[in-house]
C-alpha cells in the first residue's frame, strides 16, 4: 500500500499543503490553522473509496484523480513549518 504525507508549507505569503511536489487546496491561505484543517479534511477524504481529488500540478494545470477503494493510500499530515 502506498503512503501520502501532506506537508503544511509557507507559500507566497501564506500557507499551503503539498504532497510529492503538488500543491493542494487553497494555494495561498493566510491562516496556517485553516490550511491544516483543509489538509486533514483531504486526508479523511482520501480514506474513502472512489473519491475524486482535484489537484494542481507543478506546472499549474488542474485535473481530477480517482482511485478504486481497494488501493487507497495511507495518509498523514505533517506540520513542521
PDB file of N, CA and C in Angstrom:
ATOM      1  N   UNK A   1       0.847  -1.174   0.000  1.00  0.00           N
ATOM      2  CA  UNK A   1       0.000   0.000   0.000  1.00  0.00           C
ATOM      3  C   UNK A   1       0.896   1.241   0.000  1.00  0.00           C
ATOM      4  N   UNK A   2       0.496   2.244  -0.742  1.00  0.00           N
ATOM      5  CA  UNK A   2       1.284   3.470  -0.808  1.00  0.00           C
ATOM      6  C   UNK A   2       0.995   4.380   0.383  1.00  0.00           C
ATOM      7  N   UNK A   3       1.845   5.382   0.551  1.00  0.00           N
ATOM      8  CA  UNK A   3       1.713   6.313   1.658  1.00  0.00           C
ATOM      9  C   UNK A   3       1.839   7.743   1.124  1.00  0.00           C
ATOM     10  N   UNK A   4       0.937   8.622   1.554  1.00  0.00           N
ATOM     11  CA  UNK A   4       0.955  10.025   1.148  1.00  0.00           C
ATOM     12  C   UNK A   4       1.072  10.875   2.404  1.00  0.00           C
ATOM     13  N   UNK A   5       2.032  11.807   2.413  1.00  0.00           N
ATOM     14  CA  UNK A   5       2.167  12.756   3.511  1.00  0.00           C
ATOM     15  C   UNK A   5       1.862  14.149   2.985  1.00  0.00           C
ATOM     16  N   UNK A   6       0.834  14.784   3.544  1.00  0.00           N
ATOM     17  CA  UNK A   6       0.516  16.171   3.213  1.00  0.00           C
ATOM     18  C   UNK A   6       1.339  17.058   4.136  1.00  0.00           C
ATOM     19  N   UNK A   7       2.139  17.946   3.563  1.00  0.00           N
ATOM     20  CA  UNK A   7       3.008  18.815   4.342  1.00  0.00           C
ATOM     21  C   UNK A   7       2.494  20.247   4.291  1.00  0.00           C
ATOM     22  N   UNK A   8       2.369  20.864   5.460  1.00  0.00           N
ATOM     23  CA  UNK A   8       1.969  22.261   5.559  1.00  0.00           C
ATOM     24  C   UNK A   8       3.224  23.089   5.309  1.00  0.00           C
ATOM     25  N   UNK A   9       3.162  24.000   4.336  1.00  0.00           N
ATOM     26  CA  UNK A   9       4.337  24.799   3.975  1.00  0.00           C
ATOM     27  C   UNK A   9       3.964  26.266   3.798  1.00  0.00           C
ATOM     28  N   UNK A  10       4.939  27.139   4.015  1.00  0.00           N
ATOM     29  CA  UNK A  10       4.741  28.546   3.695  1.00  0.00           C
ATOM     30  C   UNK A  10       4.809  28.682   2.185  1.00  0.00           C
ATOM     31  N   UNK A  11       3.891  29.490   1.639  1.00  0.00           N
ATOM     32  CA  UNK A  11       3.828  29.613   0.184  1.00  0.00           C
ATOM     33  C   UNK A  11       3.297  30.985  -0.200  1.00  0.00           C
ATOM     34  N   UNK A  12       4.111  31.751  -0.887  1.00  0.00           N
ATOM     35  CA  UNK A  12       3.682  33.024  -1.484  1.00  0.00           C
ATOM     36  C   UNK A  12       2.983  33.935  -0.476  1.00  0.00           C
ATOM     37  N   UNK A  13       3.556  34.081   0.696  1.00  0.00           N
ATOM     38  CA  UNK A  13       2.989  34.966   1.709  1.00  0.00           C
ATOM     39  C   UNK A  13       1.872  34.367   2.537  1.00  0.00           C
ATOM     40  N   UNK A  14       1.601  33.087   2.371  1.00  0.00           N
ATOM     41  CA  UNK A  14       0.535  32.424   3.118  1.00  0.00           C
ATOM     42  C   UNK A  14       0.934  30.993   3.410  1.00  0.00           C
ATOM     43  N   UNK A  15      -0.046  30.111   3.442  1.00  0.00           N
ATOM     44  CA  UNK A  15       0.179  28.697   3.746  1.00  0.00           C
ATOM     45  C   UNK A  15      -0.499  27.828   2.705  1.00  0.00           C
ATOM     46  N   UNK A  16       0.090  26.677   2.436  1.00  0.00           N
ATOM     47  CA  UNK A  16      -0.478  25.695   1.515  1.00  0.00           C
ATOM     48  C   UNK A  16      -0.102  24.318   2.034  1.00  0.00           C
ATOM     49  N   UNK A  17      -0.680  23.280   1.442  1.00  0.00           N
ATOM     50  CA  UNK A  17      -0.226  21.932   1.762  1.00  0.00           C
ATOM     51  C   UNK A  17       0.113  21.214   0.478  1.00  0.00           C
ATOM     52  N   UNK A  18       1.147  20.385   0.539  1.00  0.00           N
ATOM     53  CA  UNK A  18       1.663  19.708  -0.638  1.00  0.00           C
ATOM     54  C   UNK A  18       1.818  18.219  -0.369  1.00  0.00           C
ATOM     55  N   UNK A  19       1.930  17.478  -1.440  1.00  0.00           N
ATOM     56  CA  UNK A  19       2.310  16.065  -1.388  1.00  0.00           C
ATOM     57  C   UNK A  19       3.055  15.765  -2.674  1.00  0.00           C
ATOM     58  N   UNK A  20       4.253  15.272  -2.548  1.00  0.00           N
ATOM     59  CA  UNK A  20       5.081  14.932  -3.715  1.00  0.00           C
ATOM     60  C   UNK A  20       5.232  16.099  -4.685  1.00  0.00           C
ATOM     61  N   UNK A  21       5.404  17.311  -4.170  1.00  0.00           N
ATOM     62  CA  UNK A  21       5.627  18.481  -5.010  1.00  0.00           C
ATOM     63  C   UNK A  21       4.381  19.090  -5.625  1.00  0.00           C
ATOM     64  N   UNK A  22       3.211  18.575  -5.281  1.00  0.00           N
ATOM     65  CA  UNK A  22       1.950  19.083  -5.831  1.00  0.00           C
ATOM     66  C   UNK A  22       1.226  19.880  -4.745  1.00  0.00           C
ATOM     67  N   UNK A  23       0.784  21.104  -5.088  1.00  0.00           N
ATOM     68  CA  UNK A  23       0.028  21.923  -4.148  1.00  0.00           C
ATOM     69  C   UNK A  23      -1.443  21.535  -4.198  1.00  0.00           C
ATOM     70  N   UNK A  24      -2.071  21.437  -3.025  1.00  0.00           N
ATOM     71  CA  UNK A  24      -3.470  21.062  -2.911  1.00  0.00           C
ATOM     72  C   UNK A  24      -4.264  22.185  -2.264  1.00  0.00           C
ATOM     73  N   UNK A  25      -5.581  22.180  -2.522  1.00  0.00           N
ATOM     74  CA  UNK A  25      -6.486  23.105  -1.853  1.00  0.00           C
ATOM     75  C   UNK A  25      -6.166  24.548  -2.161  1.00  0.00           C
ATOM     76  N   UNK A  26      -6.427  25.413  -1.201  1.00  0.00           N
ATOM     77  CA  UNK A  26      -6.162  26.831  -1.344  1.00  0.00           C
ATOM     78  C   UNK A  26      -4.659  27.037  -1.401  1.00  0.00           C
ATOM     79  N   UNK A  27      -4.203  27.675  -2.453  1.00  0.00           N
ATOM     80  CA  UNK A  27      -2.765  27.806  -2.625  1.00  0.00           C
ATOM     81  C   UNK A  27      -2.151  28.887  -1.755  1.00  0.00           C
ATOM     82  N   UNK A  28      -2.941  29.838  -1.310  1.00  0.00           N
ATOM     83  CA  UNK A  28      -2.356  30.921  -0.525  1.00  0.00           C
ATOM     84  C   UNK A  28      -3.275  31.289   0.619  1.00  0.00           C
ATOM     85  N   UNK A  29      -3.427  30.392   1.542  1.00  0.00           N
ATOM     86  CA  UNK A  29      -4.281  30.636   2.695  1.00  0.00           C
ATOM     87  C   UNK A  29      -3.482  31.430   3.726  1.00  0.00           C
ATOM     88  N   UNK A  30      -3.984  32.585   4.165  1.00  0.00           N
ATOM     89  CA  UNK A  30      -3.217  33.396   5.112  1.00  0.00           C
ATOM     90  C   UNK A  30      -3.156  32.791   6.512  1.00  0.00           C
ATOM     91  N   UNK A  31      -3.992  31.813   6.798  1.00  0.00           N
ATOM     92  CA  UNK A  31      -4.076  31.251   8.147  1.00  0.00           C
ATOM     93  C   UNK A  31      -3.565  29.807   8.154  1.00  0.00           C
ATOM     94  N   UNK A  32      -2.520  29.572   8.906  1.00  0.00           N
ATOM     95  CA  UNK A  32      -1.914  28.242   8.978  1.00  0.00           C
ATOM     96  C   UNK A  32      -2.895  27.198   9.508  1.00  0.00           C
ATOM     97  N   UNK A  33      -3.681  27.564  10.528  1.00  0.00           N
ATOM     98  CA  UNK A  33      -4.611  26.587  11.104  1.00  0.00           C
ATOM     99  C   UNK A  33      -5.712  26.195  10.117  1.00  0.00           C
ATOM    100  N   UNK A  34      -6.168  27.136   9.298  1.00  0.00           N
ATOM    101  CA  UNK A  34      -7.164  26.813   8.270  1.00  0.00           C
ATOM    102  C   UNK A  34      -6.570  25.858   7.248  1.00  0.00           C
ATOM    103  N   UNK A  35      -5.349  26.102   6.860  1.00  0.00           N
ATOM    104  CA  UNK A  35      -4.674  25.228   5.905  1.00  0.00           C
ATOM    105  C   UNK A  35      -4.513  23.825   6.498  1.00  0.00           C
ATOM    106  N   UNK A  36      -4.169  23.746   7.769  1.00  0.00           N
ATOM    107  CA  UNK A  36      -4.021  22.460   8.442  1.00  0.00           C
ATOM    108  C   UNK A  36      -5.353  21.706   8.449  1.00  0.00           C
ATOM    109  N   UNK A  37      -6.463  22.412   8.721  1.00  0.00           N
ATOM    110  CA  UNK A  37      -7.791  21.775   8.701  1.00  0.00           C
ATOM    111  C   UNK A  37      -8.117  21.257   7.306  1.00  0.00           C
ATOM    112  N   UNK A  38      -7.791  22.038   6.274  1.00  0.00           N
ATOM    113  CA  UNK A  38      -8.038  21.594   4.903  1.00  0.00           C
ATOM    114  C   UNK A  38      -7.262  20.317   4.593  1.00  0.00           C
ATOM    115  N   UNK A  39      -6.014  20.264   5.023  1.00  0.00           N
ATOM    116  CA  UNK A  39      -5.194  19.078   4.783  1.00  0.00           C
ATOM    117  C   UNK A  39      -5.769  17.862   5.503  1.00  0.00           C
ATOM    118  N   UNK A  40      -6.250  18.064   6.719  1.00  0.00           N
ATOM    119  CA  UNK A  40      -6.845  16.952   7.470  1.00  0.00           C
ATOM    120  C   UNK A  40      -8.139  16.476   6.826  1.00  0.00           C
ATOM    121  N   UNK A  41      -8.927  17.404   6.278  1.00  0.00           N
ATOM    122  CA  UNK A  41     -10.144  17.009   5.550  1.00  0.00           C
ATOM    123  C   UNK A  41      -9.790  16.199   4.316  1.00  0.00           C
ATOM    124  N   UNK A  42      -8.746  16.631   3.595  1.00  0.00           N
ATOM    125  CA  UNK A  42      -8.318  15.879   2.410  1.00  0.00           C
ATOM    126  C   UNK A  42      -7.836  14.496   2.827  1.00  0.00           C
ATOM    127  N   UNK A  43      -7.127  14.425   3.944  1.00  0.00           N
ATOM    128  CA  UNK A  43      -6.661  13.128   4.436  1.00  0.00           C
ATOM    129  C   UNK A  43      -7.843  12.198   4.686  1.00  0.00           C
ATOM    130  N   UNK A  44      -8.878  12.695   5.347  1.00  0.00           N
ATOM    131  CA  UNK A  44     -10.067  11.888   5.616  1.00  0.00           C
ATOM    132  C   UNK A  44     -10.756  11.482   4.319  1.00  0.00           C
ATOM    133  N   UNK A  45     -10.817  12.398   3.359  1.00  0.00           N
ATOM    134  CA  UNK A  45     -11.467  12.106   2.080  1.00  0.00           C
ATOM    135  C   UNK A  45     -10.704  11.031   1.309  1.00  0.00           C
ATOM    136  N   UNK A  46      -9.384  11.028   1.417  1.00  0.00           N
ATOM    137  CA  UNK A  46      -8.583  10.029   0.703  1.00  0.00           C
ATOM    138  C   UNK A  46      -8.831   8.628   1.234  1.00  0.00           C
ATOM    139  N   UNK A  47      -9.309   8.514   2.440  1.00  0.00           N
ATOM    140  CA  UNK A  47      -9.571   7.200   3.029  1.00  0.00           C
ATOM    141  C   UNK A  47     -10.822   6.552   2.445  1.00  0.00           C
ATOM    142  N   UNK A  48     -11.692   7.360   1.824  1.00  0.00           N
ATOM    143  CA  UNK A  48     -12.924   6.824   1.240  1.00  0.00           C
ATOM    144  C   UNK A  48     -12.671   6.377  -0.196  1.00  0.00           C
ATOM    145  N   UNK A  49     -13.232   5.265  -0.607  1.00  0.00           N
ATOM    146  CA  UNK A  49     -13.033   4.782  -1.982  1.00  0.00           C
ATOM    147  C   UNK A  49     -13.782   5.615  -3.014  1.00  0.00           C
ATOM    148  N   UNK A  50     -13.276   5.548  -4.244  1.00  0.00           N
ATOM    149  CA  UNK A  50     -13.920   6.157  -5.413  1.00  0.00           C
ATOM    150  C   UNK A  50     -14.170   7.652  -5.243  1.00  0.00           C
ATOM    151  N   UNK A  51     -13.286   8.312  -4.594  1.00  0.00           N
ATOM    152  CA  UNK A  51     -13.394   9.747  -4.361  1.00  0.00           C
ATOM    153  C   UNK A  51     -12.482  10.461  -5.353  1.00  0.00           C
ATOM    154  N   UNK A  52     -13.009  11.440  -6.059  1.00  0.00           N
ATOM    155  CA  UNK A  52     -12.204  12.228  -6.983  1.00  0.00           C
ATOM    156  C   UNK A  52     -11.490  13.341  -6.249  1.00  0.00           C
ATOM    157  N   UNK A  53     -10.211  13.481  -6.488  1.00  0.00           N
ATOM    158  CA  UNK A  53      -9.422  14.547  -5.878  1.00  0.00           C
ATOM    159  C   UNK A  53      -8.983  15.517  -6.960  1.00  0.00           C
ATOM    160  N   UNK A  54      -9.311  16.781  -6.763  1.00  0.00           N
ATOM    161  CA  UNK A  54      -8.904  17.817  -7.706  1.00  0.00           C
ATOM    162  C   UNK A  54      -7.548  18.331  -7.255  1.00  0.00           C
ATOM    163  N   UNK A  55      -6.540  18.208  -8.129  1.00  0.00           N
ATOM    164  CA  UNK A  55      -5.196  18.630  -7.763  1.00  0.00           C
ATOM    165  C   UNK A  55      -4.605  19.550  -8.820  1.00  0.00           C
ATOM    166  N   UNK A  56      -3.647  20.318  -8.394  1.00  0.00           N
ATOM    167  CA  UNK A  56      -2.927  21.225  -9.293  1.00  0.00           C
ATOM    168  C   UNK A  56      -1.489  20.743  -9.374  1.00  0.00           C
ATOM    169  N   UNK A  57      -1.012  20.510 -10.575  1.00  0.00           N
ATOM    170  CA  UNK A  57       0.343  20.023 -10.769  1.00  0.00           C
ATOM    171  C   UNK A  57       1.330  21.177 -10.689  1.00  0.00           C
ATOM    172  N   UNK A  58       2.614  20.855 -10.655  1.00  0.00           N
ATOM    173  CA  UNK A  58       3.660  21.869 -10.536  1.00  0.00           C
ATOM    174  C   UNK A  58       3.634  22.868 -11.691  1.00  0.00           C
ATOM    175  N   UNK A  59       3.136  22.460 -12.860  1.00  0.00           N
ATOM    176  CA  UNK A  59       3.065  23.391 -13.999  1.00  0.00           C
ATOM    177  C   UNK A  59       1.782  24.225 -14.006  1.00  0.00           C
ATOM    178  N   UNK A  60       0.973  24.120 -12.935  1.00  0.00           N
ATOM    179  CA  UNK A  60      -0.209  24.972 -12.783  1.00  0.00           C
ATOM    180  C   UNK A  60      -1.497  24.436 -13.375  1.00  0.00           C
ATOM    181  N   UNK A  61      -1.498  23.236 -13.902  1.00  0.00           N
ATOM    182  CA  UNK A  61      -2.700  22.662 -14.508  1.00  0.00           C
ATOM    183  C   UNK A  61      -3.498  21.876 -13.466  1.00  0.00           C
ATOM    184  N   UNK A  62      -4.830  21.986 -13.548  1.00  0.00           N
ATOM    185  CA  UNK A  62      -5.722  21.276 -12.635  1.00  0.00           C
ATOM    186  C   UNK A  62      -6.250  20.019 -13.308  1.00  0.00           C
ATOM    187  N   UNK A  63      -6.400  18.938 -12.549  1.00  0.00           N
ATOM    188  CA  UNK A  63      -7.076  17.746 -13.039  1.00  0.00           C
ATOM    189  C   UNK A  63      -7.629  16.963 -11.847  1.00  0.00           C
ATOM    190  N   UNK A  64      -8.491  16.000 -12.149  1.00  0.00           N
ATOM    191  CA  UNK A  64      -9.118  15.194 -11.109  1.00  0.00           C
ATOM    192  C   UNK A  64      -8.559  13.784 -11.170  1.00  0.00           C
ATOM    193  N   UNK A  65      -8.198  13.255 -10.011  1.00  0.00           N
ATOM    194  CA  UNK A  65      -7.725  11.882  -9.917  1.00  0.00           C
ATOM    195  C   UNK A  65      -8.731  11.082  -9.100  1.00  0.00           C
ATOM    196  N   UNK A  66      -8.998   9.874  -9.534  1.00  0.00           N
ATOM    197  CA  UNK A  66      -9.867   8.977  -8.766  1.00  0.00           C
ATOM    198  C   UNK A  66      -9.118   7.676  -8.516  1.00  0.00           C
ATOM    199  N   UNK A  67      -9.556   6.939  -7.518  1.00  0.00           N
ATOM    200  CA  UNK A  67      -8.903   5.676  -7.191  1.00  0.00           C
ATOM    201  C   UNK A  67      -9.949   4.681  -6.721  1.00  0.00           C
ATOM    202  N   UNK A  68      -9.687   3.431  -6.986  1.00  0.00           N
ATOM    203  CA  UNK A  68     -10.581   2.367  -6.531  1.00  0.00           C
ATOM    204  C   UNK A  68     -10.470   2.212  -5.022  1.00  0.00           C
ATOM    205  N   UNK A  69     -11.485   1.682  -4.418  1.00  0.00           N
ATOM    206  CA  UNK A  69     -11.498   1.534  -2.971  1.00  0.00           C
ATOM    207  C   UNK A  69     -10.451   0.572  -2.437  1.00  0.00           C
ATOM    208  N   UNK A  70      -9.971  -0.313  -3.258  1.00  0.00           N
ATOM    209  CA  UNK A  70      -9.016  -1.315  -2.787  1.00  0.00           C
ATOM    210  C   UNK A  70      -7.577  -0.812  -2.726  1.00  0.00           C
ATOM    211  N   UNK A  71      -7.321   0.365  -3.277  1.00  0.00           N
ATOM    212  CA  UNK A  71      -5.933   0.822  -3.325  1.00  0.00           C
ATOM    213  C   UNK A  71      -5.734   2.212  -2.709  1.00  0.00           C
ATOM    214  N   UNK A  72      -6.550   2.558  -1.721  1.00  0.00           N
ATOM    215  CA  UNK A  72      -6.420   3.855  -1.070  1.00  0.00           C
ATOM    216  C   UNK A  72      -5.123   3.917  -0.277  1.00  0.00           C
ATOM    217  N   UNK A  73      -4.370   5.016  -0.394  1.00  0.00           N
ATOM    218  CA  UNK A  73      -3.094   5.106   0.338  1.00  0.00           C
ATOM    219  C   UNK A  73      -3.298   5.432   1.811  1.00  0.00           C
ATOM    220  N   UNK A  74      -2.317   5.073   2.603  1.00  0.00           N
ATOM    221  CA  UNK A  74      -2.272   5.556   3.975  1.00  0.00           C
ATOM    222  C   UNK A  74      -1.850   7.017   3.899  1.00  0.00           C
ATOM    223  N   UNK A  75      -2.408   7.868   4.760  1.00  0.00           N
ATOM    224  CA  UNK A  75      -2.085   9.292   4.703  1.00  0.00           C
ATOM    225  C   UNK A  75      -1.803   9.848   6.087  1.00  0.00           C
ATOM    226  N   UNK A  76      -1.043  10.929   6.118  1.00  0.00           N
ATOM    227  CA  UNK A  76      -0.862  11.693   7.346  1.00  0.00           C
ATOM    228  C   UNK A  76      -0.588  13.146   6.984  1.00  0.00           C
ATOM    229  N   UNK A  77      -0.672  14.028   7.984  1.00  0.00           N
ATOM    230  CA  UNK A  77      -0.428  15.449   7.803  1.00  0.00           C
ATOM    231  C   UNK A  77       0.764  15.825   8.659  1.00  0.00           C
ATOM    232  N   UNK A  78       1.750  16.482   8.028  1.00  0.00           N
ATOM    233  CA  UNK A  78       2.965  16.902   8.714  1.00  0.00           C
ATOM    234  C   UNK A  78       3.005  18.428   8.746  1.00  0.00           C
ATOM    235  N   UNK A  79       3.144  18.989   9.936  1.00  0.00           N
ATOM    236  CA  UNK A  79       3.172  20.445  10.096  1.00  0.00           C
ATOM    237  C   UNK A  79       4.379  20.834  10.928  1.00  0.00           C
ATOM    238  N   UNK A  80       5.520  20.995  10.262  1.00  0.00           N
ATOM    239  CA  UNK A  80       6.763  21.338  10.947  1.00  0.00           C
ATOM    240  C   UNK A  80       7.226  22.750  10.613  1.00  0.00           C
ATOM    241  N   UNK A  81       6.415  23.472   9.846  1.00  0.00           N
ATOM    242  CA  UNK A  81       6.822  24.817   9.399  1.00  0.00           C
ATOM    243  C   UNK A  81       6.933  25.776  10.565  1.00  0.00           C
TER     244      UNK A  81
END
